């Protein structure tokens, strides 16, 4: 199953690249960083990465309201936890 993120900005809907191994590594590196706490901080870099090369430019991502950005980061955290869980099964 491929996990992607979506959000609406005005009348436009944006879809990310799929959560992949590189995204997993970005989250894992941040998760192991003692200076990063909580899924919102841990997943922020992965959020940027998942939308790289899509129609959602960095300016659009940076301008998202905190609730939307937090929701997207929490979804990434869920993808990460699912990937870790399936790896251990």
N, C-alpha and C. Protein backbone atom coordinates (compact mmCIF):
# COMPACT_ATOMS: atom_id res chain seq x y z
N UNK A 1 0.85 -1.19 0.00
CA UNK A 1 0.00 0.00 0.00
C UNK A 1 0.89 1.25 0.00
N UNK A 2 0.59 2.16 -0.89
CA UNK A 2 1.35 3.40 -0.94
C UNK A 2 0.62 4.47 -0.14
N UNK A 3 1.36 5.10 0.75
CA UNK A 3 0.80 6.18 1.55
C UNK A 3 1.19 7.52 0.93
N UNK A 4 0.21 8.38 0.71
CA UNK A 4 0.48 9.73 0.25
C UNK A 4 -0.26 10.71 1.15
N UNK A 5 0.11 11.96 1.04
CA UNK A 5 -0.54 13.03 1.77
C UNK A 5 -1.32 13.89 0.79
N UNK A 6 -2.43 14.42 1.24
CA UNK A 6 -3.19 15.38 0.42
C UNK A 6 -3.65 16.52 1.30
N UNK A 7 -3.75 17.68 0.70
CA UNK A 7 -4.36 18.83 1.37
C UNK A 7 -4.92 19.76 0.32
N UNK A 8 -5.88 20.56 0.73
CA UNK A 8 -6.47 21.56 -0.16
C UNK A 8 -5.99 22.94 0.26
N UNK A 9 -5.73 23.75 -0.74
CA UNK A 9 -5.35 25.14 -0.52
C UNK A 9 -6.17 25.96 -1.51
N UNK A 10 -7.19 26.63 -1.00
CA UNK A 10 -8.13 27.30 -1.90
C UNK A 10 -8.91 26.24 -2.64
N UNK A 11 -8.94 26.35 -3.97
CA UNK A 11 -9.66 25.38 -4.80
C UNK A 11 -8.77 24.23 -5.27
N UNK A 12 -7.48 24.28 -4.93
CA UNK A 12 -6.54 23.28 -5.43
C UNK A 12 -6.29 22.19 -4.40
N UNK A 13 -6.18 20.99 -4.92
CA UNK A 13 -5.83 19.83 -4.08
C UNK A 13 -4.41 19.42 -4.45
N UNK A 14 -3.59 19.22 -3.43
CA UNK A 14 -2.20 18.83 -3.63
C UNK A 14 -1.99 17.43 -3.11
N UNK A 15 -1.23 16.64 -3.87
CA UNK A 15 -0.93 15.26 -3.49
C UNK A 15 0.59 15.10 -3.46
N UNK A 16 1.06 14.45 -2.40
CA UNK A 16 2.50 14.25 -2.24
C UNK A 16 2.98 13.04 -3.03
N UNK A 17 4.30 12.89 -3.03
CA UNK A 17 4.91 11.64 -3.48
C UNK A 17 4.57 10.59 -2.42
N UNK A 18 4.71 9.31 -2.75
CA UNK A 18 4.46 8.27 -1.75
C UNK A 18 5.51 8.27 -0.63
N UNK A 19 5.08 7.85 0.54
CA UNK A 19 6.00 7.59 1.64
C UNK A 19 6.89 6.44 1.20
N UNK A 20 8.21 6.67 1.18
CA UNK A 20 9.13 5.66 0.68
C UNK A 20 10.29 5.47 1.65
N UNK A 21 11.27 4.70 1.23
CA UNK A 21 12.42 4.40 2.09
C UNK A 21 13.15 5.68 2.49
N UNK A 22 13.33 6.59 1.54
CA UNK A 22 14.02 7.86 1.85
C UNK A 22 13.26 8.65 2.90
N UNK A 23 11.95 8.70 2.78
CA UNK A 23 11.13 9.40 3.77
C UNK A 23 11.29 8.73 5.13
N UNK A 24 11.27 7.41 5.12
CA UNK A 24 11.46 6.64 6.35
C UNK A 24 12.79 7.00 7.01
N UNK A 25 13.85 7.11 6.21
CA UNK A 25 15.17 7.46 6.74
C UNK A 25 15.19 8.87 7.32
N UNK A 26 14.51 9.81 6.68
CA UNK A 26 14.45 11.18 7.18
C UNK A 26 13.78 11.20 8.55
N UNK A 27 12.66 10.50 8.66
CA UNK A 27 11.94 10.45 9.94
C UNK A 27 12.80 9.74 10.99
N UNK A 28 13.41 8.63 10.61
CA UNK A 28 14.22 7.87 11.55
C UNK A 28 15.40 8.67 12.07
N UNK A 29 16.09 9.40 11.18
CA UNK A 29 17.21 10.24 11.60
C UNK A 29 16.74 11.31 12.59
N UNK A 30 15.62 11.94 12.30
CA UNK A 30 15.09 12.97 13.20
C UNK A 30 14.64 12.35 14.52
N UNK A 31 14.07 11.15 14.45
CA UNK A 31 13.62 10.46 15.65
C UNK A 31 14.79 10.14 16.58
N UNK A 32 15.95 9.89 16.01
CA UNK A 32 17.14 9.59 16.79
C UNK A 32 17.93 10.83 17.19
N UNK A 33 17.49 12.00 16.78
CA UNK A 33 18.13 13.27 17.14
C UNK A 33 17.62 13.71 18.50
N UNK A 34 18.51 13.82 19.47
CA UNK A 34 18.11 14.19 20.83
C UNK A 34 17.51 15.60 20.92
N UNK A 35 17.73 16.43 19.91
CA UNK A 35 17.20 17.79 19.92
C UNK A 35 15.78 17.88 19.37
N UNK A 36 15.29 16.80 18.81
CA UNK A 36 13.93 16.81 18.24
C UNK A 36 13.02 15.97 19.11
N UNK A 37 11.92 16.57 19.50
CA UNK A 37 10.94 15.88 20.34
C UNK A 37 9.57 15.99 19.71
N UNK A 38 8.83 14.91 19.74
CA UNK A 38 7.45 14.90 19.27
C UNK A 38 7.34 14.74 17.77
N UNK A 39 6.25 14.14 17.33
CA UNK A 39 6.07 13.85 15.91
C UNK A 39 6.03 15.08 15.01
N UNK A 40 5.61 16.21 15.53
CA UNK A 40 5.54 17.40 14.67
C UNK A 40 6.94 17.87 14.30
N UNK A 41 7.86 17.88 15.25
CA UNK A 41 9.24 18.26 14.94
C UNK A 41 9.96 17.17 14.18
N UNK A 42 9.71 15.93 14.53
CA UNK A 42 10.40 14.80 13.92
C UNK A 42 10.02 14.65 12.44
N UNK A 43 8.78 14.96 12.10
CA UNK A 43 8.29 14.70 10.74
C UNK A 43 8.31 15.92 9.82
N UNK A 44 8.72 17.07 10.30
CA UNK A 44 8.68 18.29 9.47
C UNK A 44 9.54 18.17 8.21
N UNK A 45 10.75 17.64 8.35
CA UNK A 45 11.62 17.47 7.18
C UNK A 45 11.05 16.48 6.19
N UNK A 46 10.41 15.45 6.69
CA UNK A 46 9.79 14.45 5.82
C UNK A 46 8.61 15.06 5.06
N UNK A 47 7.90 15.95 5.72
CA UNK A 47 6.78 16.65 5.06
C UNK A 47 7.30 17.42 3.86
N UNK A 48 8.36 18.19 4.07
CA UNK A 48 8.96 18.94 2.95
C UNK A 48 9.38 17.99 1.84
N UNK A 49 10.04 16.89 2.22
CA UNK A 49 10.54 15.93 1.24
C UNK A 49 9.41 15.30 0.43
N UNK A 50 8.33 14.94 1.09
CA UNK A 50 7.24 14.26 0.38
C UNK A 50 6.58 15.15 -0.68
N UNK A 51 6.71 16.46 -0.53
CA UNK A 51 6.12 17.36 -1.53
C UNK A 51 7.15 17.92 -2.50
N UNK A 52 8.43 17.56 -2.35
CA UNK A 52 9.45 18.02 -3.30
C UNK A 52 9.10 17.52 -4.70
N UNK A 53 9.20 18.42 -5.67
CA UNK A 53 8.93 18.03 -7.05
C UNK A 53 7.46 17.95 -7.40
N UNK A 54 6.57 18.30 -6.47
CA UNK A 54 5.14 18.30 -6.76
C UNK A 54 4.70 19.74 -7.02
N UNK A 55 3.43 19.91 -7.27
CA UNK A 55 2.91 21.26 -7.51
C UNK A 55 2.88 22.11 -6.24
N UNK A 56 2.99 21.47 -5.09
CA UNK A 56 3.00 22.19 -3.82
C UNK A 56 4.42 22.68 -3.56
N UNK A 57 4.69 23.92 -3.91
CA UNK A 57 6.03 24.47 -3.71
C UNK A 57 6.32 24.63 -2.22
N UNK A 58 7.59 24.87 -1.90
CA UNK A 58 7.97 25.05 -0.50
C UNK A 58 7.23 26.25 0.10
N UNK A 59 7.00 27.29 -0.68
CA UNK A 59 6.25 28.46 -0.18
C UNK A 59 4.84 28.06 0.23
N UNK A 60 4.21 27.20 -0.54
CA UNK A 60 2.86 26.74 -0.21
C UNK A 60 2.89 25.91 1.07
N UNK A 61 3.85 25.02 1.19
CA UNK A 61 3.98 24.19 2.40
C UNK A 61 4.24 25.07 3.62
N UNK A 62 5.15 26.02 3.48
CA UNK A 62 5.49 26.91 4.60
C UNK A 62 4.31 27.78 5.03
N UNK A 63 3.40 28.07 4.10
CA UNK A 63 2.27 28.95 4.40
C UNK A 63 1.06 28.21 4.96
N UNK A 64 1.15 26.88 5.06
CA UNK A 64 0.02 26.13 5.60
C UNK A 64 -0.28 26.56 7.02
N UNK A 65 -1.56 26.54 7.37
CA UNK A 65 -1.92 26.87 8.74
C UNK A 65 -1.40 25.76 9.66
N UNK A 66 -1.12 26.10 10.91
CA UNK A 66 -0.53 25.11 11.83
C UNK A 66 -1.35 23.82 11.97
N UNK A 67 -2.66 23.93 11.94
CA UNK A 67 -3.50 22.74 12.10
C UNK A 67 -3.30 21.77 10.93
N UNK A 68 -3.26 22.29 9.71
CA UNK A 68 -3.06 21.45 8.53
C UNK A 68 -1.67 20.82 8.55
N UNK A 69 -0.66 21.63 8.84
CA UNK A 69 0.72 21.12 8.88
C UNK A 69 0.86 20.04 9.96
N UNK A 70 0.28 20.28 11.13
CA UNK A 70 0.33 19.30 12.22
C UNK A 70 -0.35 18.01 11.81
N UNK A 71 -1.50 18.11 11.16
CA UNK A 71 -2.22 16.92 10.71
C UNK A 71 -1.41 16.11 9.71
N UNK A 72 -0.73 16.79 8.79
CA UNK A 72 0.10 16.10 7.81
C UNK A 72 1.28 15.41 8.49
N UNK A 73 1.90 16.10 9.46
CA UNK A 73 3.02 15.50 10.19
C UNK A 73 2.56 14.28 10.99
N UNK A 74 1.39 14.35 11.57
CA UNK A 74 0.88 13.20 12.32
C UNK A 74 0.59 12.02 11.40
N UNK A 75 0.14 12.29 10.18
CA UNK A 75 -0.06 11.21 9.21
C UNK A 75 1.27 10.55 8.87
N UNK A 76 2.30 11.37 8.67
CA UNK A 76 3.63 10.81 8.38
C UNK A 76 4.10 9.95 9.56
N UNK A 77 3.88 10.45 10.78
CA UNK A 77 4.24 9.68 11.96
C UNK A 77 3.53 8.32 11.95
N UNK A 78 2.27 8.32 11.57
CA UNK A 78 1.52 7.06 11.47
C UNK A 78 2.10 6.13 10.41
N UNK A 79 2.50 6.69 9.25
CA UNK A 79 3.14 5.89 8.21
C UNK A 79 4.42 5.26 8.75
N UNK A 80 5.19 6.05 9.49
CA UNK A 80 6.47 5.61 10.07
C UNK A 80 6.23 4.47 11.06
N UNK A 81 5.29 4.66 11.96
CA UNK A 81 4.99 3.63 12.94
C UNK A 81 4.50 2.35 12.26
N UNK A 82 3.65 2.49 11.24
CA UNK A 82 3.19 1.32 10.49
C UNK A 82 4.36 0.59 9.84
N UNK A 83 5.28 1.36 9.26
CA UNK A 83 6.44 0.74 8.61
C UNK A 83 7.31 0.01 9.63
N UNK A 84 7.52 0.60 10.78
CA UNK A 84 8.29 -0.07 11.83
C UNK A 84 7.59 -1.33 12.31
N UNK A 85 6.29 -1.26 12.48
CA UNK A 85 5.51 -2.40 12.95
C UNK A 85 5.54 -3.55 11.96
N UNK A 86 5.38 -3.24 10.69
CA UNK A 86 5.35 -4.29 9.67
C UNK A 86 6.74 -4.91 9.50
N UNK A 87 7.77 -4.13 9.75
CA UNK A 87 9.15 -4.62 9.64
C UNK A 87 9.42 -5.66 10.74
N UNK A 88 8.79 -5.50 11.88
CA UNK A 88 9.03 -6.39 13.01
C UNK A 88 8.12 -7.61 13.02
N UNK A 89 7.19 -7.69 12.08
CA UNK A 89 6.27 -8.84 12.06
C UNK A 89 6.86 -10.04 11.36
